[in-house]
Protein backbone atom coordinates (compact mmCIF):
# COMPACT_ATOMS: atom_id res chain seq x y z
CA UNK A 1 0.00 0.00 0.00
CA UNK A 2 1.38 3.37 -0.95
CA UNK A 3 2.01 6.10 1.55
CA UNK A 4 0.89 9.53 0.48
CA UNK A 5 3.30 12.20 1.72
CA UNK A 6 0.59 14.82 1.21
CA UNK A 7 -1.93 13.15 3.50
CA UNK A 8 -2.58 15.04 6.72
CA UNK A 9 -4.12 13.20 9.65
CA UNK A 10 -5.61 15.28 12.43
CA UNK A 11 -5.41 14.15 16.04
CA UNK A 12 -9.15 13.46 15.96
CA UNK A 13 -8.48 10.57 13.59
CA UNK A 14 -9.88 12.26 10.51
CA UNK A 15 -7.57 12.54 7.52
CA UNK A 16 -7.66 15.33 5.01
CA UNK A 17 -6.04 15.09 1.60
CA UNK A 18 -4.29 18.28 0.59
CA UNK A 19 -5.81 20.09 -2.34
CA UNK A 20 -4.32 18.94 -5.63
CA UNK A 21 -3.68 22.57 -6.51
CA UNK A 22 -1.54 22.91 -3.41
CA UNK A 23 0.81 20.19 -4.60
CA UNK A 24 4.17 21.45 -5.81
CA UNK A 25 4.07 20.04 -9.34
CA UNK A 26 1.66 18.73 -11.90
CA UNK A 27 3.65 15.48 -11.95
CA UNK A 28 2.98 14.99 -8.26
CA UNK A 29 -0.71 15.66 -8.75
CA UNK A 30 -0.81 13.30 -11.73
CA UNK A 31 0.93 10.52 -9.75
CA UNK A 32 -1.45 11.07 -6.85
CA UNK A 33 -4.52 10.79 -9.07
CA UNK A 34 -3.13 7.72 -10.85
CA UNK A 35 -2.38 6.04 -7.54
CA UNK A 36 -5.83 6.93 -6.25
CA UNK A 37 -7.41 5.51 -9.42
CA UNK A 38 -5.40 2.28 -9.09
CA UNK A 39 -6.49 1.91 -5.48
CA UNK A 40 -10.12 2.48 -6.47
CA UNK A 41 -9.85 -0.10 -9.27
CA UNK A 42 -8.36 -2.63 -6.84
CA UNK A 43 -11.13 -1.94 -4.36
CA UNK A 44 -13.81 -2.44 -7.01
CA UNK A 45 -12.15 -5.69 -8.18
CA UNK A 46 -12.01 -6.97 -4.60
CA UNK A 47 -15.67 -6.08 -4.08
CA UNK A 48 -16.64 -7.90 -7.29
CA UNK A 49 -14.62 -10.95 -6.28
CA UNK A 50 -16.19 -10.95 -2.81
CA UNK A 51 -19.67 -10.77 -4.33
CA UNK A 52 -18.92 -13.64 -6.73
CA UNK A 53 -17.47 -15.80 -3.96
CA UNK A 54 -20.48 -15.10 -1.74
CA UNK A 55 -22.80 -16.23 -4.56
CA UNK A 56 -20.72 -19.39 -5.07
CA UNK A 57 -20.88 -20.09 -1.34
CA UNK A 58 -24.66 -19.68 -1.29
CA UNK A 59 -25.01 -22.06 -4.27
CA UNK A 60 -22.72 -24.62 -2.61
CA UNK A 61 -24.65 -24.45 0.67
CA UNK A 62 -27.95 -24.89 -1.18
CA UNK A 63 -26.54 -27.90 -3.07
CA UNK A 64 -25.19 -29.41 0.15
CA UNK A 65 -28.55 -28.96 1.89
CA UNK A 66 -30.25 -30.60 -1.09
CA UNK A 67 -27.88 -33.57 -0.95
CA UNK A 68 -28.30 -33.92 2.82
CA UNK A 69 -32.09 -33.90 2.45
CA UNK A 70 -31.88 -36.62 -0.22
CA UNK A 71 -29.83 -38.97 1.93
CA UNK A 72 -31.83 -41.72 3.55
CA UNK A 73 -30.45 -43.92 6.25
CA UNK A 74 -31.40 -47.49 6.93
CA UNK A 75 -31.62 -47.55 10.70
CA UNK A 76 -32.81 -51.13 10.95
CA UNK A 77 -30.28 -53.26 12.75
CA UNK A 78 -30.19 -56.74 11.35
CA UNK A 79 -28.75 -59.60 13.31
CA UNK A 80 -27.96 -62.95 11.88
PDB file of N, CA and C in Angstrom:
ATOM      1  N   UNK A   1       0.853  -1.170   0.000  1.00  0.00           N
ATOM      2  CA  UNK A   1       0.000   0.000   0.000  1.00  0.00           C
ATOM      3  C   UNK A   1       0.895   1.229   0.000  1.00  0.00           C
ATOM      4  N   UNK A   2       0.565   2.169  -0.814  1.00  0.00           N
ATOM      5  CA  UNK A   2       1.382   3.367  -0.955  1.00  0.00           C
ATOM      6  C   UNK A   2       1.119   4.324   0.201  1.00  0.00           C
ATOM      7  N   UNK A   3       2.135   5.069   0.525  1.00  0.00           N
ATOM      8  CA  UNK A   3       2.006   6.101   1.553  1.00  0.00           C
ATOM      9  C   UNK A   3       1.996   7.440   0.838  1.00  0.00           C
ATOM     10  N   UNK A   4       1.010   8.237   1.115  1.00  0.00           N
ATOM     11  CA  UNK A   4       0.892   9.532   0.482  1.00  0.00           C
ATOM     12  C   UNK A   4       1.554  10.576   1.370  1.00  0.00           C
ATOM     13  N   UNK A   5       2.625  11.213   0.896  1.00  0.00           N
ATOM     14  CA  UNK A   5       3.297  12.202   1.725  1.00  0.00           C
ATOM     15  C   UNK A   5       2.458  13.457   1.915  1.00  0.00           C
ATOM     16  N   UNK A   6       1.414  13.628   1.140  1.00  0.00           N
ATOM     17  CA  UNK A   6       0.586  14.823   1.213  1.00  0.00           C
ATOM     18  C   UNK A   6      -0.730  14.533   1.895  1.00  0.00           C
ATOM     19  N   UNK A   7      -0.746  13.514   2.750  1.00  0.00           N
ATOM     20  CA  UNK A   7      -1.933  13.154   3.505  1.00  0.00           C
ATOM     21  C   UNK A   7      -1.754  13.675   4.923  1.00  0.00           C
ATOM     22  N   UNK A   8      -2.672  14.474   5.374  1.00  0.00           N
ATOM     23  CA  UNK A   8      -2.582  15.045   6.718  1.00  0.00           C
ATOM     24  C   UNK A   8      -3.623  14.391   7.600  1.00  0.00           C
ATOM     25  N   UNK A   9      -3.192  13.830   8.714  1.00  0.00           N
ATOM     26  CA  UNK A   9      -4.119  13.195   9.646  1.00  0.00           C
ATOM     27  C   UNK A   9      -4.197  14.035  10.909  1.00  0.00           C
ATOM     28  N   UNK A  10      -5.386  14.491  11.220  1.00  0.00           N
ATOM     29  CA  UNK A  10      -5.606  15.284  12.427  1.00  0.00           C
ATOM     30  C   UNK A  10      -5.615  14.370  13.642  1.00  0.00           C
ATOM     31  N   UNK A  11      -5.435  14.945  14.809  1.00  0.00           N
ATOM     32  CA  UNK A  11      -5.407  14.155  16.039  1.00  0.00           C
ATOM     33  C   UNK A  11      -6.756  13.499  16.319  1.00  0.00           C
ATOM     34  N   UNK A  12      -7.819  14.044  15.733  1.00  0.00           N
ATOM     35  CA  UNK A  12      -9.147  13.462  15.958  1.00  0.00           C
ATOM     36  C   UNK A  12      -9.342  12.163  15.178  1.00  0.00           C
ATOM     37  N   UNK A  13      -8.364  11.803  14.353  1.00  0.00           N
ATOM     38  CA  UNK A  13      -8.479  10.566  13.592  1.00  0.00           C
ATOM     39  C   UNK A  13      -8.939  10.797  12.172  1.00  0.00           C
ATOM     40  N   UNK A  14      -9.445  11.973  11.865  1.00  0.00           N
ATOM     41  CA  UNK A  14      -9.885  12.255  10.506  1.00  0.00           C
ATOM     42  C   UNK A  14      -8.707  12.659   9.649  1.00  0.00           C
ATOM     43  N   UNK A  15      -8.667  12.208   8.415  1.00  0.00           N
ATOM     44  CA  UNK A  15      -7.570  12.537   7.520  1.00  0.00           C
ATOM     45  C   UNK A  15      -8.085  13.422   6.399  1.00  0.00           C
ATOM     46  N   UNK A  16      -7.305  14.417   6.080  1.00  0.00           N
ATOM     47  CA  UNK A  16      -7.657  15.334   5.006  1.00  0.00           C
ATOM     48  C   UNK A  16      -6.588  15.269   3.932  1.00  0.00           C
ATOM     49  N   UNK A  17      -6.986  15.105   2.703  1.00  0.00           N
ATOM     50  CA  UNK A  17      -6.036  15.089   1.604  1.00  0.00           C
ATOM     51  C   UNK A  17      -5.837  16.521   1.147  1.00  0.00           C
ATOM     52  N   UNK A  18      -4.589  16.918   1.016  1.00  0.00           N
ATOM     53  CA  UNK A  18      -4.286  18.276   0.587  1.00  0.00           C
ATOM     54  C   UNK A  18      -4.868  18.511  -0.799  1.00  0.00           C
ATOM     55  N   UNK A  19      -5.262  19.719  -1.046  1.00  0.00           N
ATOM     56  CA  UNK A  19      -5.809  20.086  -2.343  1.00  0.00           C
ATOM     57  C   UNK A  19      -4.788  19.804  -3.429  1.00  0.00           C
ATOM     58  N   UNK A  20      -5.237  19.249  -4.538  1.00  0.00           N
ATOM     59  CA  UNK A  20      -4.320  18.939  -5.629  1.00  0.00           C
ATOM     60  C   UNK A  20      -3.633  20.196  -6.138  1.00  0.00           C
ATOM     61  N   UNK A  21      -4.301  21.328  -6.056  1.00  0.00           N
ATOM     62  CA  UNK A  21      -3.683  22.570  -6.515  1.00  0.00           C
ATOM     63  C   UNK A  21      -2.579  23.021  -5.585  1.00  0.00           C
ATOM     64  N   UNK A  22      -2.576  22.539  -4.359  1.00  0.00           N
ATOM     65  CA  UNK A  22      -1.539  22.911  -3.409  1.00  0.00           C
ATOM     66  C   UNK A  22      -0.284  22.075  -3.587  1.00  0.00           C
ATOM     67  N   UNK A  23      -0.369  21.012  -4.380  1.00  0.00           N
ATOM     68  CA  UNK A  23       0.810  20.188  -4.597  1.00  0.00           C
ATOM     69  C   UNK A  23       1.830  20.959  -5.420  1.00  0.00           C
ATOM     70  N   UNK A  24       3.112  20.638  -5.232  1.00  0.00           N
ATOM     71  CA  UNK A  24       4.175  21.450  -5.812  1.00  0.00           C
ATOM     72  C   UNK A  24       4.298  21.318  -7.321  1.00  0.00           C
ATOM     73  N   UNK A  25       3.915  20.196  -7.898  1.00  0.00           N
ATOM     74  CA  UNK A  25       4.073  20.044  -9.339  1.00  0.00           C
ATOM     75  C   UNK A  25       2.907  19.273  -9.920  1.00  0.00           C
ATOM     76  N   UNK A  26       2.715  19.466 -11.206  1.00  0.00           N
ATOM     77  CA  UNK A  26       1.662  18.726 -11.896  1.00  0.00           C
ATOM     78  C   UNK A  26       1.979  17.239 -11.917  1.00  0.00           C
ATOM     79  N   UNK A  27       3.268  16.891 -11.964  1.00  0.00           N
ATOM     80  CA  UNK A  27       3.646  15.478 -11.947  1.00  0.00           C
ATOM     81  C   UNK A  27       3.222  14.816 -10.643  1.00  0.00           C
ATOM     82  N   UNK A  28       3.387  15.525  -9.558  1.00  0.00           N
ATOM     83  CA  UNK A  28       2.983  14.992  -8.260  1.00  0.00           C
ATOM     84  C   UNK A  28       1.475  14.798  -8.215  1.00  0.00           C
ATOM     85  N   UNK A  29       0.744  15.776  -8.717  1.00  0.00           N
ATOM     86  CA  UNK A  29      -0.711  15.663  -8.745  1.00  0.00           C
ATOM     87  C   UNK A  29      -1.137  14.512  -9.637  1.00  0.00           C
ATOM     88  N   UNK A  30      -0.479  14.377 -10.789  1.00  0.00           N
ATOM     89  CA  UNK A  30      -0.812  13.295 -11.728  1.00  0.00           C
ATOM     90  C   UNK A  30      -0.545  11.932 -11.086  1.00  0.00           C
ATOM     91  N   UNK A  31       0.613  11.786 -10.414  1.00  0.00           N
ATOM     92  CA  UNK A  31       0.932  10.515  -9.746  1.00  0.00           C
ATOM     93  C   UNK A  31      -0.077  10.211  -8.644  1.00  0.00           C
ATOM     94  N   UNK A  32      -0.468  11.246  -7.909  1.00  0.00           N
ATOM     95  CA  UNK A  32      -1.447  11.072  -6.846  1.00  0.00           C
ATOM     96  C   UNK A  32      -2.773  10.561  -7.404  1.00  0.00           C
ATOM     97  N   UNK A  33      -3.247  11.192  -8.467  1.00  0.00           N
ATOM     98  CA  UNK A  33      -4.524  10.795  -9.073  1.00  0.00           C
ATOM     99  C   UNK A  33      -4.430   9.389  -9.648  1.00  0.00           C
ATOM    100  N   UNK A  34      -3.312   9.070 -10.300  1.00  0.00           N
ATOM    101  CA  UNK A  34      -3.131   7.722 -10.854  1.00  0.00           C
ATOM    102  C   UNK A  34      -3.122   6.676  -9.746  1.00  0.00           C
ATOM    103  N   UNK A  35      -2.433   6.977  -8.659  1.00  0.00           N
ATOM    104  CA  UNK A  35      -2.385   6.042  -7.538  1.00  0.00           C
ATOM    105  C   UNK A  35      -3.763   5.879  -6.906  1.00  0.00           C
ATOM    106  N   UNK A  36      -4.474   6.977  -6.785  1.00  0.00           N
ATOM    107  CA  UNK A  36      -5.829   6.934  -6.248  1.00  0.00           C
ATOM    108  C   UNK A  36      -6.746   6.108  -7.153  1.00  0.00           C
ATOM    109  N   UNK A  37      -6.610   6.283  -8.470  1.00  0.00           N
ATOM    110  CA  UNK A  37      -7.413   5.506  -9.424  1.00  0.00           C
ATOM    111  C   UNK A  37      -7.082   4.025  -9.348  1.00  0.00           C
ATOM    112  N   UNK A  38      -5.789   3.694  -9.217  1.00  0.00           N
ATOM    113  CA  UNK A  38      -5.402   2.282  -9.087  1.00  0.00           C
ATOM    114  C   UNK A  38      -5.997   1.670  -7.826  1.00  0.00           C
ATOM    115  N   UNK A  39      -5.936   2.416  -6.738  1.00  0.00           N
ATOM    116  CA  UNK A  39      -6.493   1.914  -5.480  1.00  0.00           C
ATOM    117  C   UNK A  39      -8.001   1.702  -5.607  1.00  0.00           C
ATOM    118  N   UNK A  40      -8.677   2.621  -6.273  1.00  0.00           N
ATOM    119  CA  UNK A  40     -10.125   2.481  -6.467  1.00  0.00           C
ATOM    120  C   UNK A  40     -10.430   1.276  -7.347  1.00  0.00           C
ATOM    121  N   UNK A  41      -9.647   1.065  -8.400  1.00  0.00           N
ATOM    122  CA  UNK A  41      -9.847  -0.103  -9.267  1.00  0.00           C
ATOM    123  C   UNK A  41      -9.639  -1.400  -8.495  1.00  0.00           C
ATOM    124  N   UNK A  42      -8.607  -1.428  -7.646  1.00  0.00           N
ATOM    125  CA  UNK A  42      -8.355  -2.627  -6.843  1.00  0.00           C
ATOM    126  C   UNK A  42      -9.492  -2.879  -5.863  1.00  0.00           C
ATOM    127  N   UNK A  43     -10.015  -1.816  -5.294  1.00  0.00           N
ATOM    128  CA  UNK A  43     -11.127  -1.944  -4.356  1.00  0.00           C
ATOM    129  C   UNK A  43     -12.374  -2.480  -5.060  1.00  0.00           C
ATOM    130  N   UNK A  44     -12.653  -1.960  -6.253  1.00  0.00           N
ATOM    131  CA  UNK A  44     -13.806  -2.438  -7.015  1.00  0.00           C
ATOM    132  C   UNK A  44     -13.632  -3.901  -7.417  1.00  0.00           C
ATOM    133  N   UNK A  45     -12.413  -4.296  -7.814  1.00  0.00           N
ATOM    134  CA  UNK A  45     -12.152  -5.690  -8.182  1.00  0.00           C
ATOM    135  C   UNK A  45     -12.328  -6.610  -6.974  1.00  0.00           C
ATOM    136  N   UNK A  46     -11.857  -6.169  -5.818  1.00  0.00           N
ATOM    137  CA  UNK A  46     -12.008  -6.975  -4.602  1.00  0.00           C
ATOM    138  C   UNK A  46     -13.478  -7.113  -4.227  1.00  0.00           C
ATOM    139  N   UNK A  47     -14.237  -6.032  -4.380  1.00  0.00           N
ATOM    140  CA  UNK A  47     -15.673  -6.081  -4.076  1.00  0.00           C
ATOM    141  C   UNK A  47     -16.385  -7.044  -5.023  1.00  0.00           C
ATOM    142  N   UNK A  48     -16.033  -6.990  -6.311  1.00  0.00           N
ATOM    143  CA  UNK A  48     -16.642  -7.897  -7.295  1.00  0.00           C
ATOM    144  C   UNK A  48     -16.301  -9.348  -6.959  1.00  0.00           C
ATOM    145  N   UNK A  49     -15.036  -9.587  -6.625  1.00  0.00           N
ATOM    146  CA  UNK A  49     -14.621 -10.948  -6.283  1.00  0.00           C
ATOM    147  C   UNK A  49     -15.339 -11.442  -5.030  1.00  0.00           C
ATOM    148  N   UNK A  50     -15.486 -10.579  -4.040  1.00  0.00           N
ATOM    149  CA  UNK A  50     -16.190 -10.949  -2.811  1.00  0.00           C
ATOM    150  C   UNK A  50     -17.639 -11.305  -3.113  1.00  0.00           C
ATOM    151  N   UNK A  51     -18.282 -10.510  -3.956  1.00  0.00           N
ATOM    152  CA  UNK A  51     -19.674 -10.772  -4.329  1.00  0.00           C
ATOM    153  C   UNK A  51     -19.800 -12.111  -5.050  1.00  0.00           C
ATOM    154  N   UNK A  52     -18.891 -12.371  -5.993  1.00  0.00           N
ATOM    155  CA  UNK A  52     -18.922 -13.639  -6.728  1.00  0.00           C
ATOM    156  C   UNK A  52     -18.694 -14.829  -5.800  1.00  0.00           C
ATOM    157  N   UNK A  53     -17.743 -14.707  -4.890  1.00  0.00           N
ATOM    158  CA  UNK A  53     -17.467 -15.799  -3.956  1.00  0.00           C
ATOM    159  C   UNK A  53     -18.642 -16.041  -3.013  1.00  0.00           C
ATOM    160  N   UNK A  54     -19.312 -14.966  -2.609  1.00  0.00           N
ATOM    161  CA  UNK A  54     -20.477 -15.104  -1.740  1.00  0.00           C
ATOM    162  C   UNK A  54     -21.598 -15.847  -2.475  1.00  0.00           C
ATOM    163  N   UNK A  55     -21.779 -15.543  -3.760  1.00  0.00           N
ATOM    164  CA  UNK A  55     -22.799 -16.229  -4.556  1.00  0.00           C
ATOM    165  C   UNK A  55     -22.446 -17.705  -4.725  1.00  0.00           C
ATOM    166  N   UNK A  56     -21.150 -17.996  -4.954  1.00  0.00           N
ATOM    167  CA  UNK A  56     -20.716 -19.393  -5.069  1.00  0.00           C
ATOM    168  C   UNK A  56     -20.944 -20.143  -3.763  1.00  0.00           C
ATOM    169  N   UNK A  57     -20.677 -19.475  -2.649  1.00  0.00           N
ATOM    170  CA  UNK A  57     -20.881 -20.095  -1.335  1.00  0.00           C
ATOM    171  C   UNK A  57     -22.354 -20.415  -1.126  1.00  0.00           C
ATOM    172  N   UNK A  58     -23.225 -19.461  -1.453  1.00  0.00           N
ATOM    173  CA  UNK A  58     -24.658 -19.681  -1.289  1.00  0.00           C
ATOM    174  C   UNK A  58     -25.140 -20.845  -2.148  1.00  0.00           C
ATOM    175  N   UNK A  59     -24.633 -20.952  -3.379  1.00  0.00           N
ATOM    176  CA  UNK A  59     -25.007 -22.059  -4.266  1.00  0.00           C
ATOM    177  C   UNK A  59     -24.499 -23.389  -3.708  1.00  0.00           C
ATOM    178  N   UNK A  60     -23.282 -23.390  -3.172  1.00  0.00           N
ATOM    179  CA  UNK A  60     -22.716 -24.617  -2.607  1.00  0.00           C
ATOM    180  C   UNK A  60     -23.485 -25.063  -1.367  1.00  0.00           C
ATOM    181  N   UNK A  61     -23.873 -24.114  -0.528  1.00  0.00           N
ATOM    182  CA  UNK A  61     -24.648 -24.446   0.674  1.00  0.00           C
ATOM    183  C   UNK A  61     -26.016 -24.998   0.275  1.00  0.00           C
ATOM    184  N   UNK A  62     -26.645 -24.399  -0.715  1.00  0.00           N
ATOM    185  CA  UNK A  62     -27.945 -24.891  -1.180  1.00  0.00           C
ATOM    186  C   UNK A  62     -27.820 -26.307  -1.737  1.00  0.00           C
ATOM    187  N   UNK A  63     -26.764 -26.555  -2.513  1.00  0.00           N
ATOM    188  CA  UNK A  63     -26.545 -27.897  -3.073  1.00  0.00           C
ATOM    189  C   UNK A  63     -26.275 -28.907  -1.963  1.00  0.00           C
ATOM    190  N   UNK A  64     -25.483 -28.528  -0.977  1.00  0.00           N
ATOM    191  CA  UNK A  64     -25.193 -29.413   0.151  1.00  0.00           C
ATOM    192  C   UNK A  64     -26.466 -29.735   0.926  1.00  0.00           C
ATOM    193  N   UNK A  65     -27.280 -28.723   1.187  1.00  0.00           N
ATOM    194  CA  UNK A  65     -28.548 -28.963   1.889  1.00  0.00           C
ATOM    195  C   UNK A  65     -29.455 -29.885   1.089  1.00  0.00           C
ATOM    196  N   UNK A  66     -29.451 -29.731  -0.224  1.00  0.00           N
ATOM    197  CA  UNK A  66     -30.255 -30.598  -1.086  1.00  0.00           C
ATOM    198  C   UNK A  66     -29.763 -32.041  -1.015  1.00  0.00           C
ATOM    199  N   UNK A  67     -28.443 -32.222  -1.036  1.00  0.00           N
ATOM    200  CA  UNK A  67     -27.884 -33.575  -0.948  1.00  0.00           C
ATOM    201  C   UNK A  67     -28.141 -34.200   0.419  1.00  0.00           C
ATOM    202  N   UNK A  68     -28.037 -33.413   1.471  1.00  0.00           N
ATOM    203  CA  UNK A  68     -28.305 -33.922   2.819  1.00  0.00           C
ATOM    204  C   UNK A  68     -29.759 -34.350   2.941  1.00  0.00           C
ATOM    205  N   UNK A  69     -30.664 -33.558   2.384  1.00  0.00           N
ATOM    206  CA  UNK A  69     -32.089 -33.897   2.453  1.00  0.00           C
ATOM    207  C   UNK A  69     -32.402 -35.164   1.662  1.00  0.00           C
ATOM    208  N   UNK A  70     -31.619 -35.451   0.620  1.00  0.00           N
ATOM    209  CA  UNK A  70     -31.877 -36.622  -0.218  1.00  0.00           C
ATOM    210  C   UNK A  70     -31.314 -37.910   0.368  1.00  0.00           C
ATOM    211  N   UNK A  71     -30.442 -37.779   1.349  1.00  0.00           N
ATOM    212  CA  UNK A  71     -29.827 -38.970   1.932  1.00  0.00           C
ATOM    213  C   UNK A  71     -30.847 -39.664   2.832  1.00  0.00           C
ATOM    214  N   UNK A  72     -30.971 -40.963   2.648  1.00  0.00           N
ATOM    215  CA  UNK A  72     -31.834 -41.721   3.552  1.00  0.00           C
ATOM    216  C   UNK A  72     -30.980 -42.790   4.232  1.00  0.00           C
ATOM    217  N   UNK A  73     -31.222 -42.968   5.478  1.00  0.00           N
ATOM    218  CA  UNK A  73     -30.450 -43.921   6.252  1.00  0.00           C
ATOM    219  C   UNK A  73     -31.317 -45.118   6.582  1.00  0.00           C
ATOM    220  N   UNK A  74     -30.713 -46.280   6.525  1.00  0.00           N
ATOM    221  CA  UNK A  74     -31.401 -47.494   6.934  1.00  0.00           C
ATOM    222  C   UNK A  74     -31.000 -47.766   8.373  1.00  0.00           C
ATOM    223  N   UNK A  75     -31.926 -47.456   9.284  1.00  0.00           N
ATOM    224  CA  UNK A  75     -31.617 -47.553  10.705  1.00  0.00           C
ATOM    225  C   UNK A  75     -31.971 -48.916  11.286  1.00  0.00           C
ATOM    226  N   UNK A  76     -32.488 -49.784  10.457  1.00  0.00           N
ATOM    227  CA  UNK A  76     -32.813 -51.126  10.954  1.00  0.00           C
ATOM    228  C   UNK A  76     -31.529 -51.902  11.209  1.00  0.00           C
ATOM    229  N   UNK A  77     -31.435 -52.450  12.413  1.00  0.00           N
ATOM    230  CA  UNK A  77     -30.277 -53.257  12.753  1.00  0.00           C
ATOM    231  C   UNK A  77     -30.659 -54.716  12.517  1.00  0.00           C
ATOM    232  N   UNK A  78     -29.893 -55.334  11.662  1.00  0.00           N
ATOM    233  CA  UNK A  78     -30.188 -56.741  11.351  1.00  0.00           C
ATOM    234  C   UNK A  78     -29.162 -57.615  12.032  1.00  0.00           C
ATOM    235  N   UNK A  79     -29.656 -58.649  12.683  1.00  0.00           N
ATOM    236  CA  UNK A  79     -28.752 -59.602  13.313  1.00  0.00           C
ATOM    237  C   UNK A  79     -28.934 -60.927  12.639  1.00  0.00           C
ATOM    238  N   UNK A  80     -27.870 -61.632  12.521  1.00  0.00           N
ATOM    239  CA  UNK A  80     -27.957 -62.953  11.876  1.00  0.00           C
ATOM    240  C   UNK A  80     -28.087 -64.037  12.873  1.00  0.00           C
TER     241      UNK A  80
END
